[in-house]
């Protein structure tokens, strides 16, 4: 079950990071810009509920005209890992498969004591008997663009994963 929980949290984070890459949210940042996010999850399987918290810091370590190199430091259950990834700053139609939003919009939300004017995207998916609904709020002023994401899944297990901005530096 722990692998499923970590998988849900990781997939949610990857989907949001992919959305951030699509809107080039790192393109207006200088190396050294960072964002801190907190992800909380509650998952219920066969009547047993598990809660988990993940803290993530993404730092822009280098940038060219075509890509941003972002170091991600993730702390979960007392363990910290660091990874680096190159995020394209320009759209590439030949790249990886794209997720199609069901509904796009805009909305202002208050997170980390600040109100952000956000672009929103709502996604739905179904696989292996699980239905997932995700809503994301993205703002250009935040490095990486991620302000908040809420993902709920139902089926053989139920879960709610919320990723929310804690702090950032341009």
Protein backbone atom coordinates (compact mmCIF):
# COMPACT_ATOMS: atom_id res chain seq x y z
CA UNK A 1 0.00 0.00 0.00
CA UNK A 2 2.87 2.43 0.76
CA UNK A 3 4.11 2.01 -2.82
CA UNK A 4 0.65 2.98 -4.12
CA UNK A 5 0.58 6.04 -1.86
CA UNK A 6 4.01 7.18 -2.98
CA UNK A 7 3.03 6.48 -6.58
CA UNK A 8 -0.10 8.63 -6.36
CA UNK A 9 1.84 11.51 -4.81
CA UNK A 10 4.66 11.18 -7.34
CA UNK A 11 2.28 11.05 -10.32
CA UNK A 12 0.43 14.12 -9.08
CA UNK A 13 3.72 15.98 -8.70
CA UNK A 14 4.91 14.90 -12.16
CA UNK A 15 1.65 16.00 -13.78
CA UNK A 16 1.90 19.42 -12.18
CA UNK A 17 5.58 19.81 -13.05
CA UNK A 18 4.67 18.88 -16.64
CA UNK A 19 1.99 21.57 -16.67
CA UNK A 20 4.53 24.08 -15.35
CA UNK A 21 6.89 23.18 -18.18
CA UNK A 22 4.13 23.69 -20.72
CA UNK A 23 3.55 27.28 -19.64
CA UNK A 24 7.30 28.02 -19.39
CA UNK A 25 6.96 29.20 -15.78
CA UNK A 26 10.74 29.10 -15.31
CA UNK A 27 11.45 31.32 -18.35
CA UNK A 28 11.06 34.59 -16.37
CA UNK A 29 13.32 33.41 -13.53
CA UNK A 30 17.04 33.77 -12.93
CA UNK A 31 19.20 30.95 -11.55
CA UNK A 32 18.75 30.83 -7.79
CA UNK A 33 14.96 31.26 -7.96
CA UNK A 34 13.14 28.61 -5.92
CA UNK A 35 9.76 27.43 -4.78
CA UNK A 36 8.75 25.31 -1.77
CA UNK A 37 5.69 23.09 -1.89
CA UNK A 38 3.95 20.91 0.67
CA UNK A 39 2.01 17.86 -0.46
CA UNK A 40 -0.42 16.12 1.86
CA UNK A 41 -2.23 12.91 1.04
CA UNK A 42 -4.97 10.91 2.67
CA UNK A 43 -5.59 7.46 1.24
CA UNK A 44 -8.17 4.91 2.31
CA UNK A 45 -7.91 1.23 1.35
CA UNK A 46 -10.25 -1.40 2.82
CA UNK A 47 -11.28 0.97 5.61
CA UNK A 48 -7.69 1.79 6.63
CA UNK A 49 -6.62 5.44 6.21
CA UNK A 50 -3.02 6.56 5.79
CA UNK A 51 -1.78 10.15 5.81
CA UNK A 52 1.49 11.34 4.35
CA UNK A 53 3.29 14.68 3.99
CA UNK A 54 5.94 15.47 1.37
CA UNK A 55 7.98 18.68 1.28
CA UNK A 56 9.54 19.73 -2.02
CA UNK A 57 11.92 22.55 -2.91
CA UNK A 58 12.59 23.23 -6.59
CA UNK A 59 15.54 25.49 -7.43
CA UNK A 60 16.50 26.83 -10.84
CA UNK A 61 20.22 26.03 -11.08
CA UNK A 62 20.83 26.92 -14.76
CA UNK A 63 18.94 28.27 -17.75
CA UNK A 64 19.48 28.58 -21.49
CA UNK A 65 17.11 29.89 -24.15
CA UNK A 66 15.68 26.37 -24.59
CA UNK A 67 15.72 24.74 -21.16
CA UNK A 68 15.74 25.27 -17.41
CA UNK A 69 17.73 22.92 -15.19
CA UNK A 70 15.82 22.46 -11.95
CA UNK A 71 17.10 20.70 -8.84
CA UNK A 72 14.31 19.10 -6.81
CA UNK A 73 14.84 18.26 -3.15
CA UNK A 74 12.10 16.04 -1.76
CA UNK A 75 11.65 15.07 1.90
CA UNK A 76 9.26 12.24 2.73
CA UNK A 77 9.06 10.14 5.89
CA UNK A 78 12.36 11.60 7.13
CA UNK A 79 14.28 10.79 3.93
CA UNK A 80 15.53 13.48 1.55
CA UNK A 81 16.41 12.91 -2.09
CA UNK A 82 17.77 15.32 -4.70
CA UNK A 83 17.33 15.09 -8.44
CA UNK A 84 18.01 17.38 -11.40
CA UNK A 85 15.92 17.64 -14.53
CA UNK A 86 15.98 19.72 -17.68
CA UNK A 87 12.61 21.34 -18.39
CA UNK A 88 12.00 22.58 -21.94
CA UNK A 89 11.11 26.26 -22.08
CA UNK A 90 9.65 25.98 -25.56
CA UNK A 91 6.79 23.75 -26.63
CA UNK A 92 7.78 20.64 -28.59
CA UNK A 93 4.89 18.92 -30.34
CA UNK A 94 7.12 15.87 -30.89
CA UNK A 95 7.78 15.49 -27.13
CA UNK A 96 6.13 13.26 -24.57
CA UNK A 97 2.41 12.60 -24.52
CA UNK A 98 0.34 15.59 -23.46
CA UNK A 99 -2.45 15.59 -20.89
CA UNK A 100 -5.54 17.34 -22.20
CA UNK A 101 -7.34 19.57 -19.70
CA UNK A 102 -11.09 19.08 -19.46
CA UNK A 103 -11.65 22.69 -18.44
CA UNK A 104 -9.39 25.76 -18.52
CA UNK A 105 -10.10 28.97 -16.63
CA UNK A 106 -8.80 31.61 -14.27
CA UNK A 107 -9.33 32.18 -10.59
CA UNK A 108 -7.76 34.12 -7.72
CA UNK A 109 -6.78 32.09 -4.64
CA UNK A 110 -4.94 32.90 -1.42
CA UNK A 111 -2.08 30.57 -0.53
CA UNK A 112 0.87 31.13 1.83
CA UNK A 113 -0.65 34.45 2.90
CA UNK A 114 -0.69 35.91 -0.63
CA UNK A 115 -3.42 36.19 -3.26
CA UNK A 116 -2.48 34.93 -6.71
CA UNK A 117 -4.29 35.47 -10.01
CA UNK A 118 -4.06 31.95 -11.45
CA UNK A 119 -4.71 30.02 -14.62
CA UNK A 120 -6.65 26.87 -13.79
CA UNK A 121 -6.83 23.46 -15.44
CA UNK A 122 -9.16 20.64 -14.49
CA UNK A 123 -8.28 17.13 -15.63
CA UNK A 124 -10.08 13.80 -15.45
CA UNK A 125 -8.69 10.35 -16.05
CA UNK A 126 -9.70 6.74 -15.55
CA UNK A 127 -7.42 3.71 -15.41
CA UNK A 128 -7.49 0.32 -13.71
CA UNK A 129 -10.87 0.98 -12.13
CA UNK A 130 -9.74 4.27 -10.60
CA UNK A 131 -11.28 7.64 -11.49
CA UNK A 132 -9.15 10.72 -10.81
CA UNK A 133 -10.12 14.39 -10.89
CA UNK A 134 -7.39 17.03 -10.63
CA UNK A 135 -7.58 20.81 -10.47
CA UNK A 136 -4.43 22.93 -10.66
CA UNK A 137 -3.84 26.64 -10.09
CA UNK A 138 -0.77 28.09 -11.85
CA UNK A 139 0.71 31.63 -11.64
CA UNK A 140 3.51 33.07 -13.78
CA UNK A 141 4.96 35.03 -10.83
CA UNK A 142 5.83 31.80 -8.99
CA UNK A 143 8.99 29.95 -10.12
CA UNK A 144 7.76 26.74 -11.72
CA UNK A 145 4.22 28.16 -11.74
CA UNK A 146 2.68 25.79 -9.18
CA UNK A 147 0.39 27.48 -6.64
CA UNK A 148 -1.93 24.62 -5.74
CA UNK A 149 -3.14 21.26 -7.02
CA UNK A 150 -5.90 19.06 -5.61
CA UNK A 151 -6.36 15.52 -6.91
CA UNK A 152 -9.06 13.11 -5.75
CA UNK A 153 -9.27 9.45 -6.74
CA UNK A 154 -12.04 6.91 -6.22
CA UNK A 155 -12.31 3.22 -6.99
CA UNK A 156 -10.57 0.29 -5.31
CA UNK A 157 -9.12 2.89 -2.95
CA UNK A 158 -9.85 6.56 -2.37
CA UNK A 159 -7.35 9.35 -2.00
CA UNK A 160 -7.03 13.10 -1.83
CA UNK A 161 -3.67 14.66 -2.61
CA UNK A 162 -3.15 18.41 -2.11
CA UNK A 163 0.03 20.18 -3.22
CA UNK A 164 0.30 23.80 -2.09
CA UNK A 165 2.84 26.58 -2.32
CA UNK A 166 4.60 27.34 0.99
CA UNK A 167 7.13 29.98 -0.11
CA UNK A 168 9.10 31.19 -3.14
CA UNK A 169 11.86 33.53 -4.31
CA UNK A 170 12.03 34.98 -7.81
